[in-house]
């Protein structure tokens, strides 16, 4: 990704020396506000925002169903990726590729990375931001390199695991039989013993008690 600056150059301009972290739009800010109320508000305020499990979480894109809010989320994450690439990457092998929206694992991880950076930047001390620099960001870069390697350095490559995943999907019924068999097994374990079965009567043979069904001597 590239940004055109006033000087006409592409990429990152020399100034400012440190660009501010991108701010989310008003709908995402509203989502964060409701989450804060659910965590820290009084009983009346928590009741007003509804059950916490139903609230959209910007760090988990799948929880956002409102189209305008999703639009804001993608705009924010786009700005965050451009900011990360220009403010924190020197070695090009660590760059988040321009095709990142086509990689679900990057979408999920970038949302979390953005959320953690936002939270760290709002703290009144530097500890959280130091942890983001020390742990969250390097770990993200390492996972990005491990999973993508050099696949999308020059152009986007389709998902190499697609054929294997199609085979996984096609084998659903086979797995479902195993799931059903396991549940049925445990259901049988919980059933009370059959009281209708009669205890075998032992026969006395030459002074020994013998099970007539099995021949076992007791």
N, C-alpha and C. Protein backbone atom coordinates (compact mmCIF):
# COMPACT_ATOMS: atom_id res chain seq x y z
N UNK A 1 0.84 -1.17 0.00
CA UNK A 1 0.00 0.00 0.00
C UNK A 1 0.88 1.24 0.00
N UNK A 2 0.39 2.26 -0.57
CA UNK A 2 1.17 3.49 -0.59
C UNK A 2 0.26 4.68 -0.36
N UNK A 3 0.84 5.72 0.17
CA UNK A 3 0.08 6.94 0.45
C UNK A 3 0.75 8.10 -0.24
N UNK A 4 0.00 8.88 -0.99
CA UNK A 4 0.56 10.05 -1.65
C UNK A 4 0.53 11.23 -0.71
N UNK A 5 1.69 11.87 -0.49
CA UNK A 5 1.80 12.99 0.43
C UNK A 5 1.86 14.29 -0.35
N UNK A 6 1.87 15.37 0.37
CA UNK A 6 1.81 16.68 -0.26
C UNK A 6 3.00 16.91 -1.18
N UNK A 7 4.13 16.34 -0.84
CA UNK A 7 5.32 16.54 -1.66
C UNK A 7 5.25 15.77 -2.97
N UNK A 8 4.24 14.91 -3.13
CA UNK A 8 4.08 14.17 -4.37
C UNK A 8 4.75 12.82 -4.36
N UNK A 9 5.51 12.50 -3.30
CA UNK A 9 6.18 11.22 -3.25
C UNK A 9 5.24 10.15 -2.75
N UNK A 10 5.51 8.91 -3.15
CA UNK A 10 4.72 7.79 -2.65
C UNK A 10 5.49 7.11 -1.53
N UNK A 11 4.74 6.51 -0.60
CA UNK A 11 5.38 5.89 0.54
C UNK A 11 5.25 6.78 1.75
N UNK A 12 6.23 6.70 2.63
CA UNK A 12 6.18 7.49 3.86
C UNK A 12 7.03 8.74 3.72
N UNK A 13 6.43 9.87 3.99
CA UNK A 13 7.20 11.11 3.97
C UNK A 13 8.13 11.16 5.18
N UNK A 14 9.14 12.00 5.13
CA UNK A 14 10.10 12.07 6.23
C UNK A 14 9.47 12.64 7.49
N UNK A 15 8.54 13.56 7.34
CA UNK A 15 7.89 14.18 8.50
C UNK A 15 6.38 13.98 8.39
N UNK A 16 5.71 13.81 9.50
CA UNK A 16 6.24 13.82 10.87
C UNK A 16 7.07 12.57 11.18
N UNK A 17 7.95 12.68 12.15
CA UNK A 17 8.82 11.56 12.48
C UNK A 17 8.04 10.38 13.04
N UNK A 18 6.94 10.67 13.71
CA UNK A 18 6.10 9.60 14.25
C UNK A 18 4.64 9.96 13.97
N UNK A 19 4.01 9.17 13.11
CA UNK A 19 2.61 9.43 12.77
C UNK A 19 1.70 8.86 13.85
N UNK A 20 0.60 9.54 14.15
CA UNK A 20 -0.32 9.04 15.18
C UNK A 20 -1.03 7.77 14.70
N UNK A 21 -1.39 6.96 15.66
CA UNK A 21 -2.14 5.74 15.35
C UNK A 21 -3.52 6.13 14.82
N UNK A 22 -3.99 5.48 13.75
CA UNK A 22 -5.29 5.84 13.17
C UNK A 22 -6.44 5.67 14.16
N UNK A 23 -7.33 6.62 14.15
CA UNK A 23 -8.50 6.56 15.02
C UNK A 23 -9.65 5.89 14.30
N UNK A 24 -10.42 5.05 14.99
CA UNK A 24 -11.59 4.43 14.35
C UNK A 24 -12.70 5.44 14.14
N UNK A 25 -13.68 5.08 13.31
CA UNK A 25 -14.82 5.94 13.03
C UNK A 25 -15.82 5.96 14.18
N UNK A 26 -16.82 6.80 14.08
CA UNK A 26 -17.77 6.98 15.20
C UNK A 26 -18.56 5.73 15.56
N UNK A 27 -18.89 4.90 14.60
CA UNK A 27 -19.65 3.68 14.92
C UNK A 27 -18.79 2.68 15.68
N UNK A 28 -17.52 2.57 15.32
CA UNK A 28 -16.62 1.69 16.05
C UNK A 28 -16.38 2.25 17.46
N UNK A 29 -16.23 3.57 17.55
CA UNK A 29 -16.08 4.20 18.86
C UNK A 29 -17.31 3.92 19.72
N UNK A 30 -18.49 3.97 19.11
CA UNK A 30 -19.72 3.68 19.85
C UNK A 30 -19.72 2.24 20.33
N UNK A 31 -19.24 1.32 19.50
CA UNK A 31 -19.17 -0.08 19.92
C UNK A 31 -18.25 -0.24 21.13
N UNK A 32 -17.12 0.43 21.09
CA UNK A 32 -16.21 0.38 22.24
C UNK A 32 -16.85 0.98 23.48
N UNK A 33 -17.61 2.05 23.31
CA UNK A 33 -18.27 2.70 24.45
C UNK A 33 -19.27 1.75 25.09
N UNK A 34 -20.04 1.04 24.29
CA UNK A 34 -21.01 0.10 24.84
C UNK A 34 -20.31 -1.05 25.56
N UNK A 35 -19.18 -1.50 25.02
CA UNK A 35 -18.43 -2.57 25.68
C UNK A 35 -17.90 -2.09 27.02
N UNK A 36 -17.47 -0.83 27.08
CA UNK A 36 -16.99 -0.28 28.34
C UNK A 36 -18.11 -0.18 29.36
N UNK A 37 -19.30 0.20 28.89
CA UNK A 37 -20.45 0.27 29.79
C UNK A 37 -20.79 -1.12 30.31
N UNK A 38 -20.75 -2.13 29.43
CA UNK A 38 -21.06 -3.49 29.85
C UNK A 38 -20.08 -3.98 30.90
N UNK A 39 -18.85 -3.45 30.86
CA UNK A 39 -17.83 -3.88 31.81
C UNK A 39 -17.82 -3.03 33.08
N UNK A 40 -18.01 -1.74 32.93
CA UNK A 40 -17.82 -0.83 34.07
C UNK A 40 -19.06 -0.02 34.47
N UNK A 41 -20.13 -0.10 33.69
CA UNK A 41 -21.31 0.72 34.00
C UNK A 41 -22.11 0.21 35.18
N UNK A 42 -23.05 1.03 35.63
CA UNK A 42 -23.93 0.59 36.70
C UNK A 42 -24.99 -0.34 36.15
N UNK A 43 -25.84 -0.86 37.02
CA UNK A 43 -26.82 -1.86 36.60
C UNK A 43 -27.75 -1.32 35.52
N UNK A 44 -28.20 -0.08 35.67
CA UNK A 44 -29.13 0.49 34.70
C UNK A 44 -28.46 0.65 33.34
N UNK A 45 -27.21 1.11 33.33
CA UNK A 45 -26.51 1.32 32.07
C UNK A 45 -26.23 -0.02 31.38
N UNK A 46 -25.84 -1.02 32.17
CA UNK A 46 -25.58 -2.34 31.59
C UNK A 46 -26.85 -2.95 31.01
N UNK A 47 -27.95 -2.73 31.68
CA UNK A 47 -29.23 -3.25 31.17
C UNK A 47 -29.60 -2.55 29.87
N UNK A 48 -29.27 -1.27 29.76
CA UNK A 48 -29.62 -0.50 28.56
C UNK A 48 -28.86 -0.98 27.33
N UNK A 49 -27.60 -1.38 27.48
CA UNK A 49 -26.82 -1.81 26.31
C UNK A 49 -27.09 -3.25 25.93
N UNK A 50 -27.76 -4.00 26.82
CA UNK A 50 -28.10 -5.37 26.48
C UNK A 50 -27.04 -6.36 26.95
N UNK A 51 -27.28 -7.62 26.62
CA UNK A 51 -26.38 -8.67 27.07
C UNK A 51 -25.01 -8.51 26.41
N UNK A 52 -23.93 -8.63 27.17
CA UNK A 52 -22.59 -8.42 26.60
C UNK A 52 -22.25 -9.35 25.44
N UNK A 53 -22.79 -10.55 25.47
CA UNK A 53 -22.47 -11.51 24.41
C UNK A 53 -23.03 -11.07 23.05
N UNK A 54 -24.00 -10.15 23.06
CA UNK A 54 -24.62 -9.69 21.82
C UNK A 54 -23.96 -8.43 21.26
N UNK A 55 -23.04 -7.84 22.01
CA UNK A 55 -22.43 -6.59 21.57
C UNK A 55 -21.34 -6.85 20.53
N UNK A 56 -21.24 -5.99 19.51
CA UNK A 56 -20.17 -6.14 18.52
C UNK A 56 -18.81 -5.84 19.14
N UNK A 57 -17.83 -6.65 18.76
CA UNK A 57 -16.47 -6.50 19.26
C UNK A 57 -15.55 -6.21 18.07
N UNK A 58 -15.01 -5.02 17.99
CA UNK A 58 -14.18 -4.67 16.82
C UNK A 58 -12.98 -5.58 16.61
N UNK A 59 -12.47 -6.21 17.65
CA UNK A 59 -11.34 -7.12 17.50
C UNK A 59 -11.75 -8.49 16.95
N UNK A 60 -13.06 -8.71 16.83
CA UNK A 60 -13.58 -9.97 16.29
C UNK A 60 -14.57 -9.61 15.19
N UNK A 61 -14.10 -9.43 13.94
CA UNK A 61 -14.97 -8.92 12.87
C UNK A 61 -16.25 -9.71 12.68
N UNK A 62 -16.23 -11.00 13.00
CA UNK A 62 -17.43 -11.81 12.82
C UNK A 62 -18.58 -11.42 13.71
N UNK A 63 -18.32 -10.63 14.75
CA UNK A 63 -19.40 -10.21 15.66
C UNK A 63 -20.10 -8.95 15.18
N UNK A 64 -19.62 -8.34 14.11
CA UNK A 64 -20.20 -7.10 13.62
C UNK A 64 -21.09 -7.41 12.42
N UNK A 65 -22.39 -7.25 12.60
CA UNK A 65 -23.32 -7.54 11.52
C UNK A 65 -23.89 -6.31 10.84
N UNK A 66 -23.76 -5.17 11.48
CA UNK A 66 -24.30 -3.93 10.93
C UNK A 66 -23.43 -3.46 9.75
N UNK A 67 -23.98 -3.34 8.54
CA UNK A 67 -23.15 -2.99 7.37
C UNK A 67 -22.39 -1.67 7.52
N UNK A 68 -23.01 -0.57 7.98
CA UNK A 68 -22.21 0.65 8.14
C UNK A 68 -21.06 0.49 9.13
N UNK A 69 -21.29 -0.26 10.19
CA UNK A 69 -20.21 -0.48 11.16
C UNK A 69 -19.11 -1.34 10.56
N UNK A 70 -19.49 -2.34 9.76
CA UNK A 70 -18.47 -3.17 9.10
C UNK A 70 -17.66 -2.32 8.12
N UNK A 71 -18.33 -1.40 7.43
CA UNK A 71 -17.61 -0.51 6.52
C UNK A 71 -16.56 0.29 7.27
N UNK A 72 -16.95 0.84 8.41
CA UNK A 72 -16.00 1.59 9.23
C UNK A 72 -14.86 0.70 9.73
N UNK A 73 -15.19 -0.55 10.06
CA UNK A 73 -14.14 -1.46 10.53
C UNK A 73 -13.08 -1.66 9.47
N UNK A 74 -13.52 -1.93 8.22
CA UNK A 74 -12.55 -2.16 7.15
C UNK A 74 -11.74 -0.90 6.87
N UNK A 75 -12.39 0.26 6.93
CA UNK A 75 -11.65 1.50 6.72
C UNK A 75 -10.59 1.70 7.80
N UNK A 76 -10.96 1.38 9.03
CA UNK A 76 -10.01 1.53 10.14
C UNK A 76 -8.85 0.55 9.99
N UNK A 77 -9.16 -0.72 9.73
CA UNK A 77 -8.10 -1.71 9.61
C UNK A 77 -7.19 -1.42 8.42
N UNK A 78 -7.76 -0.89 7.34
CA UNK A 78 -6.94 -0.48 6.19
C UNK A 78 -5.94 0.59 6.61
N UNK A 79 -6.41 1.56 7.39
CA UNK A 79 -5.51 2.62 7.86
C UNK A 79 -4.48 2.07 8.84
N UNK A 80 -4.89 1.12 9.66
CA UNK A 80 -3.96 0.53 10.63
C UNK A 80 -2.86 -0.24 9.91
N UNK A 81 -3.22 -1.01 8.90
CA UNK A 81 -2.20 -1.79 8.17
C UNK A 81 -1.21 -0.84 7.49
N UNK A 82 -1.71 0.22 6.87
CA UNK A 82 -0.81 1.17 6.23
C UNK A 82 0.11 1.82 7.26
N UNK A 83 -0.45 2.09 8.44
CA UNK A 83 0.34 2.69 9.52
C UNK A 83 1.41 1.71 10.02
N UNK A 84 1.03 0.46 10.23
CA UNK A 84 2.00 -0.54 10.69
C UNK A 84 3.12 -0.71 9.67
N UNK A 85 2.75 -0.80 8.39
CA UNK A 85 3.77 -0.99 7.36
C UNK A 85 4.74 0.18 7.29
N UNK A 86 4.24 1.38 7.45
CA UNK A 86 5.10 2.55 7.28
C UNK A 86 5.83 2.95 8.56
N UNK A 87 5.25 2.64 9.74
CA UNK A 87 5.84 3.07 11.00
C UNK A 87 6.69 2.00 11.67
N UNK A 88 6.45 0.72 11.33
CA UNK A 88 7.09 -0.36 12.09
C UNK A 88 7.83 -1.39 11.24
N UNK A 89 7.89 -1.20 9.94
CA UNK A 89 8.55 -2.19 9.07
C UNK A 89 9.70 -1.55 8.33
N UNK A 90 10.87 -2.17 8.42
CA UNK A 90 12.02 -1.77 7.63
C UNK A 90 12.36 -2.85 6.62
N UNK A 91 12.40 -4.10 7.09
CA UNK A 91 12.66 -5.24 6.22
C UNK A 91 11.38 -5.55 5.44
N UNK A 92 11.41 -5.50 4.10
CA UNK A 92 10.18 -5.71 3.33
C UNK A 92 9.55 -7.08 3.52
N UNK A 93 10.33 -8.05 4.02
CA UNK A 93 9.75 -9.38 4.22
C UNK A 93 8.72 -9.39 5.34
N UNK A 94 8.68 -8.31 6.15
CA UNK A 94 7.71 -8.22 7.23
C UNK A 94 6.47 -7.43 6.85
N UNK A 95 6.45 -6.83 5.69
CA UNK A 95 5.31 -6.02 5.28
C UNK A 95 4.03 -6.85 5.22
N UNK A 96 2.94 -6.25 5.68
CA UNK A 96 1.63 -6.87 5.47
C UNK A 96 1.30 -6.67 3.99
N UNK A 97 1.03 -7.74 3.25
CA UNK A 97 0.82 -7.60 1.81
C UNK A 97 -0.46 -6.85 1.48
N UNK A 98 -0.52 -6.21 0.31
CA UNK A 98 -1.72 -5.46 -0.06
C UNK A 98 -2.95 -6.34 -0.22
N UNK A 99 -2.74 -7.64 -0.36
CA UNK A 99 -3.87 -8.57 -0.52
C UNK A 99 -4.34 -9.14 0.81
N UNK A 100 -4.00 -8.49 1.92
CA UNK A 100 -4.32 -9.06 3.23
C UNK A 100 -5.81 -9.36 3.42
N UNK A 101 -6.77 -8.57 2.83
CA UNK A 101 -8.17 -8.95 3.03
C UNK A 101 -8.53 -10.31 2.44
N UNK A 102 -7.71 -10.82 1.51
CA UNK A 102 -7.97 -12.13 0.92
C UNK A 102 -7.40 -13.26 1.76
N UNK A 103 -6.80 -12.93 2.91
CA UNK A 103 -6.23 -13.93 3.81
C UNK A 103 -6.96 -13.85 5.15
N UNK A 104 -7.93 -14.73 5.38
CA UNK A 104 -8.73 -14.64 6.61
C UNK A 104 -7.89 -14.62 7.89
N UNK A 105 -6.78 -15.36 7.92
CA UNK A 105 -5.99 -15.37 9.15
C UNK A 105 -5.41 -13.99 9.43
N UNK A 106 -5.06 -13.24 8.38
CA UNK A 106 -4.56 -11.88 8.58
C UNK A 106 -5.68 -10.95 9.02
N UNK A 107 -6.86 -11.12 8.47
CA UNK A 107 -7.99 -10.28 8.86
C UNK A 107 -8.24 -10.42 10.36
N UNK A 108 -8.28 -11.66 10.84
CA UNK A 108 -8.53 -11.89 12.27
C UNK A 108 -7.41 -11.30 13.12
N UNK A 109 -6.18 -11.51 12.72
CA UNK A 109 -5.06 -11.07 13.54
C UNK A 109 -4.89 -9.55 13.52
N UNK A 110 -5.11 -8.94 12.38
CA UNK A 110 -4.96 -7.49 12.28
C UNK A 110 -6.01 -6.79 13.14
N UNK A 111 -7.22 -7.35 13.18
CA UNK A 111 -8.26 -6.75 14.03
C UNK A 111 -7.83 -6.77 15.50
N UNK A 112 -7.25 -7.87 15.95
CA UNK A 112 -6.78 -7.95 17.33
C UNK A 112 -5.60 -7.01 17.56
N UNK A 113 -4.68 -6.98 16.60
CA UNK A 113 -3.51 -6.10 16.71
C UNK A 113 -3.94 -4.64 16.82
N UNK A 114 -4.91 -4.24 16.01
CA UNK A 114 -5.41 -2.87 16.05
C UNK A 114 -6.07 -2.56 17.39
N UNK A 115 -6.87 -3.49 17.87
CA UNK A 115 -7.55 -3.28 19.14
C UNK A 115 -6.55 -3.12 20.28
N UNK A 116 -5.54 -3.98 20.30
CA UNK A 116 -4.56 -3.90 21.38
C UNK A 116 -3.74 -2.61 21.31
N UNK A 117 -3.41 -2.18 20.09
CA UNK A 117 -2.66 -0.92 19.96
C UNK A 117 -3.51 0.26 20.39
N UNK A 118 -4.78 0.27 20.04
CA UNK A 118 -5.68 1.34 20.47
C UNK A 118 -5.75 1.40 21.98
N UNK A 119 -5.95 0.24 22.61
CA UNK A 119 -6.05 0.19 24.06
C UNK A 119 -4.76 0.65 24.73
N UNK A 120 -3.61 0.20 24.18
CA UNK A 120 -2.32 0.59 24.75
C UNK A 120 -2.09 2.09 24.61
N UNK A 121 -2.52 2.66 23.49
CA UNK A 121 -2.33 4.08 23.28
C UNK A 121 -3.19 4.95 24.18
N UNK A 122 -4.28 4.40 24.71
CA UNK A 122 -5.16 5.17 25.59
C UNK A 122 -4.74 5.09 27.05
N UNK A 123 -3.78 4.23 27.36
CA UNK A 123 -3.36 4.08 28.75
C UNK A 123 -2.64 5.35 29.22
N UNK A 124 -2.66 5.58 30.51
CA UNK A 124 -2.02 6.77 31.07
C UNK A 124 -0.57 6.50 31.45
N UNK A 125 -0.10 5.28 31.18
CA UNK A 125 1.30 4.92 31.38
C UNK A 125 1.77 4.16 30.15
N UNK A 126 3.07 4.01 30.01
CA UNK A 126 3.62 3.41 28.79
C UNK A 126 3.75 1.90 28.84
N UNK A 127 3.40 1.28 29.96
CA UNK A 127 3.63 -0.16 30.11
C UNK A 127 2.92 -0.99 29.04
N UNK A 128 1.65 -0.68 28.80
CA UNK A 128 0.89 -1.45 27.81
C UNK A 128 1.45 -1.27 26.41
N UNK A 129 1.91 -0.06 26.09
CA UNK A 129 2.48 0.18 24.77
C UNK A 129 3.82 -0.53 24.61
N UNK A 130 4.59 -0.58 25.68
CA UNK A 130 5.85 -1.33 25.64
C UNK A 130 5.59 -2.81 25.39
N UNK A 131 4.56 -3.36 26.03
CA UNK A 131 4.22 -4.76 25.81
C UNK A 131 3.75 -4.99 24.38
N UNK A 132 3.02 -4.04 23.81
CA UNK A 132 2.59 -4.18 22.42
C UNK A 132 3.81 -4.20 21.50
N UNK A 133 4.75 -3.31 21.74
CA UNK A 133 5.97 -3.28 20.93
C UNK A 133 6.81 -4.54 21.13
N UNK A 134 6.88 -5.02 22.35
CA UNK A 134 7.77 -6.12 22.68
C UNK A 134 7.19 -7.49 22.31
N UNK A 135 5.86 -7.64 22.49
CA UNK A 135 5.27 -8.96 22.33
C UNK A 135 4.28 -9.05 21.17
N UNK A 136 3.25 -8.19 21.20
CA UNK A 136 2.16 -8.34 20.23
C UNK A 136 2.63 -8.15 18.80
N UNK A 137 3.33 -7.05 18.54
CA UNK A 137 3.74 -6.76 17.17
C UNK A 137 4.76 -7.75 16.63
N UNK A 138 5.85 -8.07 17.36
CA UNK A 138 6.79 -9.08 16.84
C UNK A 138 6.14 -10.45 16.64
N UNK A 139 5.25 -10.83 17.54
CA UNK A 139 4.58 -12.13 17.38
C UNK A 139 3.71 -12.13 16.12
N UNK A 140 3.04 -11.01 15.87
CA UNK A 140 2.25 -10.91 14.64
C UNK A 140 3.13 -11.04 13.41
N UNK A 141 4.25 -10.31 13.39
CA UNK A 141 5.17 -10.38 12.25
C UNK A 141 5.69 -11.80 12.05
N UNK A 142 6.03 -12.49 13.13
CA UNK A 142 6.55 -13.86 13.01
C UNK A 142 5.50 -14.80 12.44
N UNK A 143 4.26 -14.67 12.90
CA UNK A 143 3.20 -15.54 12.37
C UNK A 143 2.92 -15.22 10.91
N UNK A 144 2.98 -13.95 10.58
CA UNK A 144 2.75 -13.56 9.18
C UNK A 144 3.80 -14.19 8.28
N UNK A 145 5.07 -14.17 8.68
CA UNK A 145 6.14 -14.76 7.87
C UNK A 145 6.02 -16.27 7.82
N UNK A 146 5.65 -16.89 8.93
CA UNK A 146 5.54 -18.34 8.98
C UNK A 146 4.42 -18.85 8.08
N UNK A 147 3.30 -18.15 8.06
CA UNK A 147 2.14 -18.63 7.32
C UNK A 147 2.19 -18.26 5.85
N UNK A 148 2.61 -17.05 5.55
CA UNK A 148 2.63 -16.61 4.16
C UNK A 148 3.97 -16.87 3.47
N UNK A 149 5.04 -16.86 4.28
CA UNK A 149 6.39 -16.96 3.73
C UNK A 149 6.57 -15.86 2.69
N UNK A 150 6.93 -16.24 1.46
CA UNK A 150 7.11 -15.22 0.41
C UNK A 150 6.00 -15.31 -0.63
N UNK A 151 4.90 -15.98 -0.29
CA UNK A 151 3.86 -16.28 -1.28
C UNK A 151 3.30 -15.04 -1.95
N UNK A 152 3.10 -13.96 -1.17
CA UNK A 152 2.44 -12.78 -1.72
C UNK A 152 3.35 -11.56 -1.74
N UNK A 153 4.66 -11.78 -1.79
CA UNK A 153 5.58 -10.65 -1.81
C UNK A 153 5.46 -9.82 -3.08
N UNK A 154 5.27 -10.49 -4.21
CA UNK A 154 5.19 -9.77 -5.49
C UNK A 154 3.79 -9.76 -6.07
N UNK A 155 3.00 -10.78 -5.78
CA UNK A 155 1.61 -10.83 -6.26
C UNK A 155 0.84 -11.78 -5.36
N UNK A 156 -0.48 -11.65 -5.43
CA UNK A 156 -1.32 -12.50 -4.59
C UNK A 156 -1.35 -13.93 -5.12
N UNK A 157 -1.25 -14.88 -4.20
CA UNK A 157 -1.39 -16.29 -4.54
C UNK A 157 -2.64 -16.83 -3.87
N UNK A 158 -3.36 -17.67 -4.60
CA UNK A 158 -4.56 -18.26 -4.03
C UNK A 158 -4.18 -19.20 -2.89
N UNK A 159 -5.17 -19.53 -2.11
CA UNK A 159 -4.99 -20.35 -0.92
C UNK A 159 -4.43 -21.72 -1.30
N UNK A 160 -3.19 -22.04 -0.93
CA UNK A 160 -2.63 -23.34 -1.31
C UNK A 160 -3.36 -24.52 -0.67
N UNK A 161 -3.99 -24.29 0.46
CA UNK A 161 -4.67 -25.37 1.16
C UNK A 161 -6.09 -25.58 0.67
N UNK A 162 -6.51 -24.86 -0.38
CA UNK A 162 -7.89 -24.99 -0.84
C UNK A 162 -8.27 -26.43 -1.21
N UNK A 163 -7.47 -27.16 -2.01
CA UNK A 163 -7.87 -28.54 -2.35
C UNK A 163 -8.01 -29.42 -1.12
N UNK A 164 -7.09 -29.27 -0.16
CA UNK A 164 -7.19 -30.08 1.06
C UNK A 164 -8.43 -29.71 1.86
N UNK A 165 -8.78 -28.42 1.88
CA UNK A 165 -9.96 -28.01 2.63
C UNK A 165 -11.24 -28.50 1.94
N UNK A 166 -11.24 -28.53 0.62
CA UNK A 166 -12.40 -29.08 -0.10
C UNK A 166 -12.58 -30.56 0.26
N UNK A 167 -11.46 -31.27 0.33
CA UNK A 167 -11.54 -32.68 0.73
C UNK A 167 -12.05 -32.80 2.16
N UNK A 168 -11.64 -31.89 3.01
CA UNK A 168 -12.14 -31.87 4.39
C UNK A 168 -13.65 -31.67 4.42
N UNK A 169 -14.14 -30.72 3.60
CA UNK A 169 -15.58 -30.47 3.57
C UNK A 169 -16.34 -31.67 3.03
N UNK A 170 -15.78 -32.32 2.01
CA UNK A 170 -16.45 -33.47 1.41
C UNK A 170 -16.55 -34.65 2.37
N UNK A 171 -15.67 -34.71 3.36
CA UNK A 171 -15.66 -35.84 4.29
C UNK A 171 -16.49 -35.57 5.54
N UNK A 172 -17.39 -34.60 5.46
CA UNK A 172 -18.17 -34.25 6.65
C UNK A 172 -19.01 -35.42 7.14
N UNK A 173 -19.66 -36.15 6.25
CA UNK A 173 -20.52 -37.25 6.67
C UNK A 173 -19.72 -38.33 7.37
N UNK A 174 -18.50 -38.56 6.91
CA UNK A 174 -17.65 -39.56 7.56
C UNK A 174 -17.34 -39.14 9.00
N UNK A 175 -17.01 -37.87 9.19
CA UNK A 175 -16.74 -37.40 10.55
C UNK A 175 -18.01 -37.42 11.40
N UNK A 176 -19.15 -37.08 10.77
CA UNK A 176 -20.41 -37.05 11.51
C UNK A 176 -20.75 -38.44 12.07
N UNK A 177 -20.41 -39.50 11.33
CA UNK A 177 -20.66 -40.86 11.83
C UNK A 177 -19.84 -41.12 13.09
N UNK A 178 -18.61 -40.63 13.11
CA UNK A 178 -17.79 -40.79 14.31
C UNK A 178 -18.38 -40.01 15.48
N UNK A 179 -18.84 -38.77 15.22
CA UNK A 179 -19.44 -37.98 16.28
C UNK A 179 -20.67 -38.69 16.85
N UNK A 180 -21.53 -39.21 15.95
CA UNK A 180 -22.73 -39.89 16.39
C UNK A 180 -22.39 -41.15 17.17
N UNK A 181 -21.40 -41.90 16.69
CA UNK A 181 -21.00 -43.11 17.39
C UNK A 181 -20.49 -42.82 18.79
N UNK A 182 -19.74 -41.74 18.94
CA UNK A 182 -19.23 -41.38 20.26
C UNK A 182 -20.35 -40.99 21.20
N UNK A 183 -21.30 -40.19 20.71
CA UNK A 183 -22.43 -39.77 21.55
C UNK A 183 -23.28 -40.98 21.94
N UNK A 184 -23.54 -41.87 20.99
CA UNK A 184 -24.33 -43.07 21.30
C UNK A 184 -23.63 -43.94 22.33
N UNK A 185 -22.32 -44.03 22.23
CA UNK A 185 -21.55 -44.82 23.20
C UNK A 185 -21.75 -44.28 24.62
N UNK A 186 -21.64 -42.97 24.77
CA UNK A 186 -21.80 -42.38 26.10
C UNK A 186 -23.25 -42.42 26.55
N UNK A 187 -24.17 -42.37 25.61
CA UNK A 187 -25.58 -42.50 26.00
C UNK A 187 -25.85 -43.89 26.56
N UNK A 188 -25.24 -44.91 25.96
CA UNK A 188 -25.42 -46.27 26.48
C UNK A 188 -24.79 -46.42 27.86
N UNK A 189 -23.66 -45.74 28.08
CA UNK A 189 -23.01 -45.83 29.39
C UNK A 189 -23.88 -45.25 30.50
N UNK A 190 -24.73 -44.26 30.15
CA UNK A 190 -25.57 -43.61 31.15
C UNK A 190 -26.89 -44.33 31.38
N UNK A 191 -27.20 -45.31 30.53
CA UNK A 191 -28.46 -46.03 30.69
C UNK A 191 -28.36 -46.97 31.90
N UNK A 192 -29.46 -47.10 32.67
CA UNK A 192 -29.44 -48.04 33.81
C UNK A 192 -29.35 -49.47 33.30
N UNK A 193 -28.81 -50.35 34.10
CA UNK A 193 -28.70 -51.75 33.67
C UNK A 193 -30.08 -52.37 33.43
N UNK A 194 -30.12 -53.29 32.51
CA UNK A 194 -31.37 -53.96 32.16
C UNK A 194 -31.76 -54.90 33.29
N UNK A 195 -32.84 -54.54 33.98
CA UNK A 195 -33.29 -55.34 35.12
C UNK A 195 -34.05 -56.59 34.68
N UNK A 196 -34.37 -56.69 33.40
CA UNK A 196 -35.16 -57.83 32.93
C UNK A 196 -34.30 -59.06 32.71
N UNK A 197 -32.98 -58.88 32.63
CA UNK A 197 -32.11 -60.02 32.41
C UNK A 197 -32.01 -60.86 33.68
N UNK A 198 -32.22 -62.13 33.55
CA UNK A 198 -32.18 -63.02 34.69
C UNK A 198 -30.75 -63.46 34.98
N UNK A 199 -30.45 -63.51 36.27
CA UNK A 199 -29.14 -64.00 36.67
C UNK A 199 -29.09 -65.51 36.43
N UNK A 200 -28.10 -65.99 35.72
CA UNK A 200 -28.07 -67.44 35.38
C UNK A 200 -28.01 -68.30 36.65
N UNK A 201 -28.77 -69.40 36.63
CA UNK A 201 -28.77 -70.35 37.75
C UNK A 201 -27.68 -71.37 37.51
N UNK A 202 -26.86 -71.57 38.53
CA UNK A 202 -25.74 -72.50 38.41
C UNK A 202 -26.23 -73.92 38.73
N UNK A 203 -25.72 -74.86 37.98
CA UNK A 203 -26.04 -76.27 38.19
C UNK A 203 -24.94 -76.92 39.00
N UNK A 204 -25.32 -77.83 39.83
CA UNK A 204 -24.36 -78.56 40.64
C UNK A 204 -23.96 -79.82 39.90
N UNK A 205 -22.68 -79.93 39.55
CA UNK A 205 -22.16 -81.09 38.82
C UNK A 205 -20.94 -81.61 39.56
N UNK A 206 -21.03 -82.84 40.04
CA UNK A 206 -19.92 -83.47 40.76
C UNK A 206 -19.40 -82.57 41.88
N UNK A 207 -20.34 -81.93 42.59
CA UNK A 207 -19.95 -81.10 43.71
C UNK A 207 -19.49 -79.70 43.33
N UNK A 208 -19.52 -79.37 42.02
CA UNK A 208 -19.11 -78.03 41.57
C UNK A 208 -20.30 -77.31 40.96
N UNK A 209 -20.32 -75.96 41.16
CA UNK A 209 -21.36 -75.15 40.54
C UNK A 209 -20.91 -74.72 39.15
N UNK A 210 -21.73 -75.04 38.15
CA UNK A 210 -21.35 -74.80 36.75
C UNK A 210 -22.40 -73.91 36.09
N UNK A 211 -21.92 -72.88 35.35
CA UNK A 211 -22.80 -72.01 34.57
C UNK A 211 -23.19 -72.78 33.32
N UNK A 212 -24.48 -73.10 33.14
CA UNK A 212 -24.89 -73.92 32.00
C UNK A 212 -24.70 -73.22 30.66
N UNK A 213 -24.62 -71.89 30.64
CA UNK A 213 -24.47 -71.17 29.37
C UNK A 213 -23.03 -71.15 28.89
N UNK A 214 -22.11 -71.00 29.87
CA UNK A 214 -20.70 -70.85 29.48
C UNK A 214 -19.84 -72.05 29.85
N UNK A 215 -20.36 -72.90 30.76
CA UNK A 215 -19.56 -74.02 31.22
C UNK A 215 -18.54 -73.62 32.27
N UNK A 216 -18.61 -72.35 32.72
CA UNK A 216 -17.63 -71.88 33.68
C UNK A 216 -17.94 -72.48 35.05
N UNK A 217 -16.89 -72.99 35.73
CA UNK A 217 -17.01 -73.60 37.04
C UNK A 217 -16.79 -72.53 38.11
N UNK A 218 -17.71 -72.44 39.06
CA UNK A 218 -17.60 -71.45 40.12
C UNK A 218 -17.26 -72.12 41.42
